[in-house]
Amino acid sequence: MKVKQVSVFLENKTGRLNEVAQILGDAEINISAFTVADTSDFGVLRLIVDQPDKAFRILREKLFSVRIT
């Protein structure tokens, strides 16, 4: 079984992770797993969600830098 991973580039500042979680929650997209790799300036949030294509589309509409792998 292939699993799609959604990667989101985020500025490393207060509230950005919460913003992504809120957007996905409002769209009724469930997060199964996530990791965050960060530096002092930015981070990459990697998510496994139940609707990766929908998550990609919605986050792009909100002007996040997003990629599916």
PDB file of N, CA and C in Angstrom:
ATOM      1  N   MET A   1       0.839  -1.180   0.000  1.00  0.00           N
ATOM      2  CA  MET A   1       0.000   0.000   0.000  1.00  0.00           C
ATOM      3  C   MET A   1       0.883   1.242   0.000  1.00  0.00           C
ATOM      4  N   LYS A   2       0.610   2.143  -0.932  1.00  0.00           N
ATOM      5  CA  LYS A   2       1.344   3.403  -0.979  1.00  0.00           C
ATOM      6  C   LYS A   2       0.658   4.423  -0.079  1.00  0.00           C
ATOM      7  N   VAL A   3       1.476   5.199   0.598  1.00  0.00           N
ATOM      8  CA  VAL A   3       0.969   6.275   1.444  1.00  0.00           C
ATOM      9  C   VAL A   3       1.540   7.585   0.924  1.00  0.00           C
ATOM     10  N   LYS A   4       0.688   8.587   0.776  1.00  0.00           N
ATOM     11  CA  LYS A   4       1.147   9.902   0.350  1.00  0.00           C
ATOM     12  C   LYS A   4       1.493  10.739   1.577  1.00  0.00           C
ATOM     13  N   GLN A   5       2.609  11.426   1.492  1.00  0.00           N
ATOM     14  CA  GLN A   5       3.048  12.325   2.562  1.00  0.00           C
ATOM     15  C   GLN A   5       2.923  13.765   2.076  1.00  0.00           C
ATOM     16  N   VAL A   6       2.347  14.603   2.925  1.00  0.00           N
ATOM     17  CA  VAL A   6       2.204  16.020   2.619  1.00  0.00           C
ATOM     18  C   VAL A   6       3.289  16.770   3.390  1.00  0.00           C
ATOM     19  N   SER A   7       4.114  17.524   2.688  1.00  0.00           N
ATOM     20  CA  SER A   7       5.172  18.314   3.313  1.00  0.00           C
ATOM     21  C   SER A   7       4.822  19.793   3.187  1.00  0.00           C
ATOM     22  N   VAL A   8       4.945  20.500   4.301  1.00  0.00           N
ATOM     23  CA  VAL A   8       4.590  21.922   4.331  1.00  0.00           C
ATOM     24  C   VAL A   8       5.789  22.710   4.853  1.00  0.00           C
ATOM     25  N   PHE A   9       6.226  23.699   4.101  1.00  0.00           N
ATOM     26  CA  PHE A   9       7.311  24.581   4.516  1.00  0.00           C
ATOM     27  C   PHE A   9       6.709  25.685   5.383  1.00  0.00           C
ATOM     28  N   LEU A  10       7.233  25.852   6.602  1.00  0.00           N
ATOM     29  CA  LEU A  10       6.687  26.832   7.547  1.00  0.00           C
ATOM     30  C   LEU A  10       7.772  27.744   8.093  1.00  0.00           C
ATOM     31  N   GLU A  11       7.420  29.009   8.299  1.00  0.00           N
ATOM     32  CA  GLU A  11       8.305  29.896   9.039  1.00  0.00           C
ATOM     33  C   GLU A  11       8.313  29.418  10.491  1.00  0.00           C
ATOM     34  N   ASN A  12       9.452  29.497  11.129  1.00  0.00           N
ATOM     35  CA  ASN A  12       9.568  29.067  12.517  1.00  0.00           C
ATOM     36  C   ASN A  12       9.125  30.218  13.427  1.00  0.00           C
ATOM     37  N   LYS A  13       7.802  30.348  13.571  1.00  0.00           N
ATOM     38  CA  LYS A  13       7.270  31.381  14.450  1.00  0.00           C
ATOM     39  C   LYS A  13       6.005  30.865  15.123  1.00  0.00           C
ATOM     40  N   THR A  14       5.680  31.458  16.214  1.00  0.00           N
ATOM     41  CA  THR A  14       4.564  31.028  17.043  1.00  0.00           C
ATOM     42  C   THR A  14       3.267  30.965  16.239  1.00  0.00           C
ATOM     43  N   GLY A  15       2.566  29.844  16.368  1.00  0.00           N
ATOM     44  CA  GLY A  15       1.244  29.704  15.797  1.00  0.00           C
ATOM     45  C   GLY A  15       1.150  29.086  14.422  1.00  0.00           C
ATOM     46  N   ARG A  16       2.269  28.907  13.734  1.00  0.00           N
ATOM     47  CA  ARG A  16       2.199  28.389  12.361  1.00  0.00           C
ATOM     48  C   ARG A  16       1.742  26.928  12.322  1.00  0.00           C
ATOM     49  N   LEU A  17       2.233  26.100  13.226  1.00  0.00           N
ATOM     50  CA  LEU A  17       1.798  24.705  13.275  1.00  0.00           C
ATOM     51  C   LEU A  17       0.311  24.634  13.625  1.00  0.00           C
ATOM     52  N   ASN A  18      -0.116  25.444  14.570  1.00  0.00           N
ATOM     53  CA  ASN A  18      -1.522  25.497  14.948  1.00  0.00           C
ATOM     54  C   ASN A  18      -2.388  25.933  13.767  1.00  0.00           C
ATOM     55  N   GLU A  19      -1.902  26.873  12.984  1.00  0.00           N
ATOM     56  CA  GLU A  19      -2.653  27.359  11.827  1.00  0.00           C
ATOM     57  C   GLU A  19      -2.912  26.228  10.829  1.00  0.00           C
ATOM     58  N   VAL A  20      -1.892  25.430  10.549  1.00  0.00           N
ATOM     59  CA  VAL A  20      -2.058  24.299   9.633  1.00  0.00           C
ATOM     60  C   VAL A  20      -3.054  23.290  10.212  1.00  0.00           C
ATOM     61  N   ALA A  21      -2.902  22.964  11.488  1.00  0.00           N
ATOM     62  CA  ALA A  21      -3.810  22.006  12.127  1.00  0.00           C
ATOM     63  C   ALA A  21      -5.249  22.510  12.100  1.00  0.00           C
ATOM     64  N   GLN A  22      -5.441  23.791  12.327  1.00  0.00           N
ATOM     65  CA  GLN A  22      -6.786  24.376  12.312  1.00  0.00           C
ATOM     66  C   GLN A  22      -7.395  24.322  10.910  1.00  0.00           C
ATOM     67  N   ILE A  23      -6.608  24.650   9.897  1.00  0.00           N
ATOM     68  CA  ILE A  23      -7.087  24.603   8.512  1.00  0.00           C
ATOM     69  C   ILE A  23      -7.510  23.185   8.151  1.00  0.00           C
ATOM     70  N   LEU A  24      -6.676  22.211   8.486  1.00  0.00           N
ATOM     71  CA  LEU A  24      -7.005  20.821   8.176  1.00  0.00           C
ATOM     72  C   LEU A  24      -8.218  20.348   8.973  1.00  0.00           C
ATOM     73  N   GLY A  25      -8.295  20.728  10.236  1.00  0.00           N
ATOM     74  CA  GLY A  25      -9.441  20.360  11.060  1.00  0.00           C
ATOM     75  C   GLY A  25     -10.736  20.938  10.533  1.00  0.00           C
ATOM     76  N   ASP A  26     -10.706  22.202  10.128  1.00  0.00           N
ATOM     77  CA  ASP A  26     -11.896  22.847   9.566  1.00  0.00           C
ATOM     78  C   ASP A  26     -12.362  22.147   8.292  1.00  0.00           C
ATOM     79  N   ALA A  27     -11.417  21.557   7.546  1.00  0.00           N
ATOM     80  CA  ALA A  27     -11.731  20.849   6.307  1.00  0.00           C
ATOM     81  C   ALA A  27     -12.060  19.370   6.570  1.00  0.00           C
ATOM     82  N   GLU A  28     -12.117  18.986   7.845  1.00  0.00           N
ATOM     83  CA  GLU A  28     -12.407  17.600   8.251  1.00  0.00           C
ATOM     84  C   GLU A  28     -11.387  16.606   7.696  1.00  0.00           C
ATOM     85  N   ILE A  29     -10.129  17.024   7.721  1.00  0.00           N
ATOM     86  CA  ILE A  29      -9.013  16.168   7.328  1.00  0.00           C
ATOM     87  C   ILE A  29      -8.320  15.714   8.607  1.00  0.00           C
ATOM     88  N   ASN A  30      -8.187  14.407   8.777  1.00  0.00           N
ATOM     89  CA  ASN A  30      -7.589  13.845   9.979  1.00  0.00           C
ATOM     90  C   ASN A  30      -6.101  13.593   9.796  1.00  0.00           C
ATOM     91  N   ILE A  31      -5.317  13.979  10.785  1.00  0.00           N
ATOM     92  CA  ILE A  31      -3.872  13.755  10.790  1.00  0.00           C
ATOM     93  C   ILE A  31      -3.601  12.439  11.508  1.00  0.00           C
ATOM     94  N   SER A  32      -2.937  11.508  10.826  1.00  0.00           N
ATOM     95  CA  SER A  32      -2.562  10.226  11.432  1.00  0.00           C
ATOM     96  C   SER A  32      -1.199  10.297  12.091  1.00  0.00           C
ATOM     97  N   ALA A  33      -0.286  11.056  11.464  1.00  0.00           N
ATOM     98  CA  ALA A  33       1.079  11.175  11.982  1.00  0.00           C
ATOM     99  C   ALA A  33       1.701  12.450  11.433  1.00  0.00           C
ATOM    100  N   PHE A  34       2.688  12.973  12.175  1.00  0.00           N
ATOM    101  CA  PHE A  34       3.426  14.120  11.671  1.00  0.00           C
ATOM    102  C   PHE A  34       4.797  14.180  12.313  1.00  0.00           C
ATOM    103  N   THR A  35       5.721  14.830  11.605  1.00  0.00           N
ATOM    104  CA  THR A  35       7.043  15.134  12.136  1.00  0.00           C
ATOM    105  C   THR A  35       7.364  16.567  11.744  1.00  0.00           C
ATOM    106  N   VAL A  36       8.260  17.174  12.515  1.00  0.00           N
ATOM    107  CA  VAL A  36       8.711  18.525  12.219  1.00  0.00           C
ATOM    108  C   VAL A  36      10.231  18.539  12.279  1.00  0.00           C
ATOM    109  N   ALA A  37      10.837  19.050  11.220  1.00  0.00           N
ATOM    110  CA  ALA A  37      12.277  19.290  11.206  1.00  0.00           C
ATOM    111  C   ALA A  37      12.431  20.800  11.132  1.00  0.00           C
ATOM    112  N   ASP A  38      13.171  21.374  12.082  1.00  0.00           N
ATOM    113  CA  ASP A  38      13.231  22.836  12.092  1.00  0.00           C
ATOM    114  C   ASP A  38      14.643  23.354  12.298  1.00  0.00           C
ATOM    115  N   THR A  39      14.793  24.625  11.922  1.00  0.00           N
ATOM    116  CA  THR A  39      15.998  25.396  12.214  1.00  0.00           C
ATOM    117  C   THR A  39      15.513  26.656  12.907  1.00  0.00           C
ATOM    118  N   SER A  40      16.373  27.604  13.103  1.00  0.00           N
ATOM    119  CA  SER A  40      15.949  28.827  13.778  1.00  0.00           C
ATOM    120  C   SER A  40      15.033  29.679  12.907  1.00  0.00           C
ATOM    121  N   ASP A  41      15.057  29.497  11.583  1.00  0.00           N
ATOM    122  CA  ASP A  41      14.287  30.341  10.676  1.00  0.00           C
ATOM    123  C   ASP A  41      13.062  29.675  10.052  1.00  0.00           C
ATOM    124  N   PHE A  42      13.134  28.371   9.799  1.00  0.00           N
ATOM    125  CA  PHE A  42      12.041  27.689   9.107  1.00  0.00           C
ATOM    126  C   PHE A  42      11.965  26.241   9.547  1.00  0.00           C
ATOM    127  N   GLY A  43      10.897  25.584   9.122  1.00  0.00           N
ATOM    128  CA  GLY A  43      10.724  24.174   9.412  1.00  0.00           C
ATOM    129  C   GLY A  43       9.975  23.488   8.295  1.00  0.00           C
ATOM    130  N   VAL A  44      10.060  22.171   8.275  1.00  0.00           N
ATOM    131  CA  VAL A  44       9.290  21.372   7.336  1.00  0.00           C
ATOM    132  C   VAL A  44       8.404  20.447   8.153  1.00  0.00           C
ATOM    133  N   LEU A  45       7.106  20.597   7.969  1.00  0.00           N
ATOM    134  CA  LEU A  45       6.108  19.761   8.612  1.00  0.00           C
ATOM    135  C   LEU A  45       5.738  18.660   7.635  1.00  0.00           C
ATOM    136  N   ARG A  46       5.909  17.414   8.050  1.00  0.00           N
ATOM    137  CA  ARG A  46       5.553  16.270   7.199  1.00  0.00           C
ATOM    138  C   ARG A  46       4.366  15.573   7.842  1.00  0.00           C
ATOM    139  N   LEU A  47       3.318  15.381   7.039  1.00  0.00           N
ATOM    140  CA  LEU A  47       2.046  14.861   7.547  1.00  0.00           C
ATOM    141  C   LEU A  47       1.593  13.628   6.785  1.00  0.00           C
ATOM    142  N   ILE A  48       0.982  12.703   7.504  1.00  0.00           N
ATOM    143  CA  ILE A  48       0.207  11.628   6.908  1.00  0.00           C
ATOM    144  C   ILE A  48      -1.235  11.939   7.285  1.00  0.00           C
ATOM    145  N   VAL A  49      -2.065  12.164   6.279  1.00  0.00           N
ATOM    146  CA  VAL A  49      -3.461  12.534   6.500  1.00  0.00           C
ATOM    147  C   VAL A  49      -4.374  11.593   5.716  1.00  0.00           C
ATOM    148  N   ASP A  50      -5.657  11.592   6.083  1.00  0.00           N
ATOM    149  CA  ASP A  50      -6.592  10.688   5.413  1.00  0.00           C
ATOM    150  C   ASP A  50      -7.034  11.171   4.035  1.00  0.00           C
ATOM    151  N   GLN A  51      -6.809  12.441   3.718  1.00  0.00           N
ATOM    152  CA  GLN A  51      -7.180  12.995   2.409  1.00  0.00           C
ATOM    153  C   GLN A  51      -6.034  13.888   1.889  1.00  0.00           C
ATOM    154  N   PRO A  52      -4.932  13.277   1.475  1.00  0.00           N
ATOM    155  CA  PRO A  52      -3.748  14.072   1.111  1.00  0.00           C
ATOM    156  C   PRO A  52      -3.966  15.030  -0.054  1.00  0.00           C
ATOM    157  N   ASP A  53      -4.711  14.636  -1.063  1.00  0.00           N
ATOM    158  CA  ASP A  53      -4.919  15.530  -2.208  1.00  0.00           C
ATOM    159  C   ASP A  53      -5.750  16.746  -1.806  1.00  0.00           C
ATOM    160  N   LYS A  54      -6.749  16.540  -0.980  1.00  0.00           N
ATOM    161  CA  LYS A  54      -7.565  17.646  -0.482  1.00  0.00           C
ATOM    162  C   LYS A  54      -6.730  18.557   0.412  1.00  0.00           C
ATOM    163  N   ALA A  55      -5.897  17.966   1.266  1.00  0.00           N
ATOM    164  CA  ALA A  55      -5.028  18.758   2.145  1.00  0.00           C
ATOM    165  C   ALA A  55      -4.082  19.614   1.316  1.00  0.00           C
ATOM    166  N   PHE A  56      -3.491  19.017   0.288  1.00  0.00           N
ATOM    167  CA  PHE A  56      -2.590  19.750  -0.604  1.00  0.00           C
ATOM    168  C   PHE A  56      -3.301  20.951  -1.218  1.00  0.00           C
ATOM    169  N   ARG A  57      -4.477  20.713  -1.776  1.00  0.00           N
ATOM    170  CA  ARG A  57      -5.234  21.776  -2.448  1.00  0.00           C
ATOM    171  C   ARG A  57      -5.605  22.905  -1.488  1.00  0.00           C
ATOM    172  N   ILE A  58      -6.094  22.547  -0.317  1.00  0.00           N
ATOM    173  CA  ILE A  58      -6.528  23.566   0.643  1.00  0.00           C
ATOM    174  C   ILE A  58      -5.350  24.385   1.164  1.00  0.00           C
ATOM    175  N   LEU A  59      -4.244  23.720   1.478  1.00  0.00           N
ATOM    176  CA  LEU A  59      -3.077  24.447   1.978  1.00  0.00           C
ATOM    177  C   LEU A  59      -2.481  25.352   0.897  1.00  0.00           C
ATOM    178  N   ARG A  60      -2.498  24.894  -0.360  1.00  0.00           N
ATOM    179  CA  ARG A  60      -2.025  25.748  -1.465  1.00  0.00           C
ATOM    180  C   ARG A  60      -2.905  26.988  -1.598  1.00  0.00           C
ATOM    181  N   GLU A  61      -4.225  26.794  -1.447  1.00  0.00           N
ATOM    182  CA  GLU A  61      -5.155  27.926  -1.521  1.00  0.00           C
ATOM    183  C   GLU A  61      -4.875  28.949  -0.414  1.00  0.00           C
ATOM    184  N   LYS A  62      -4.363  28.464   0.723  1.00  0.00           N
ATOM    185  CA  LYS A  62      -4.023  29.347   1.842  1.00  0.00           C
ATOM    186  C   LYS A  62      -2.596  29.871   1.736  1.00  0.00           C
ATOM    187  N   LEU A  63      -1.971  29.642   0.570  1.00  0.00           N
ATOM    188  CA  LEU A  63      -0.644  30.172   0.224  1.00  0.00           C
ATOM    189  C   LEU A  63       0.521  29.539   0.997  1.00  0.00           C
ATOM    190  N   PHE A  64       0.340  28.297   1.433  1.00  0.00           N
ATOM    191  CA  PHE A  64       1.456  27.557   2.024  1.00  0.00           C
ATOM    192  C   PHE A  64       2.245  26.913   0.890  1.00  0.00           C
ATOM    193  N   SER A  65       3.526  26.724   1.089  1.00  0.00           N
ATOM    194  CA  SER A  65       4.357  25.978   0.165  1.00  0.00           C
ATOM    195  C   SER A  65       4.212  24.499   0.532  1.00  0.00           C
ATOM    196  N   VAL A  66       3.601  23.709  -0.368  1.00  0.00           N
ATOM    197  CA  VAL A  66       3.210  22.322  -0.060  1.00  0.00           C
ATOM    198  C   VAL A  66       3.702  21.401  -1.163  1.00  0.00           C
ATOM    199  N   ARG A  67       3.998  20.173  -0.772  1.00  0.00           N
ATOM    200  CA  ARG A  67       4.417  19.154  -1.731  1.00  0.00           C
ATOM    201  C   ARG A  67       3.890  17.800  -1.271  1.00  0.00           C
ATOM    202  N   ILE A  68       3.533  16.948  -2.220  1.00  0.00           N
ATOM    203  CA  ILE A  68       3.124  15.573  -1.916  1.00  0.00           C
ATOM    204  C   ILE A  68       4.195  14.633  -2.432  1.00  0.00           C
ATOM    205  N   THR A  69       4.585  13.668  -1.596  1.00  0.00           N
ATOM    206  CA  THR A  69       5.528  12.627  -2.018  1.00  0.00           C
ATOM    207  C   THR A  69       4.939  11.281  -1.683  1.00  0.00           C
TER     208      THR A  69
END
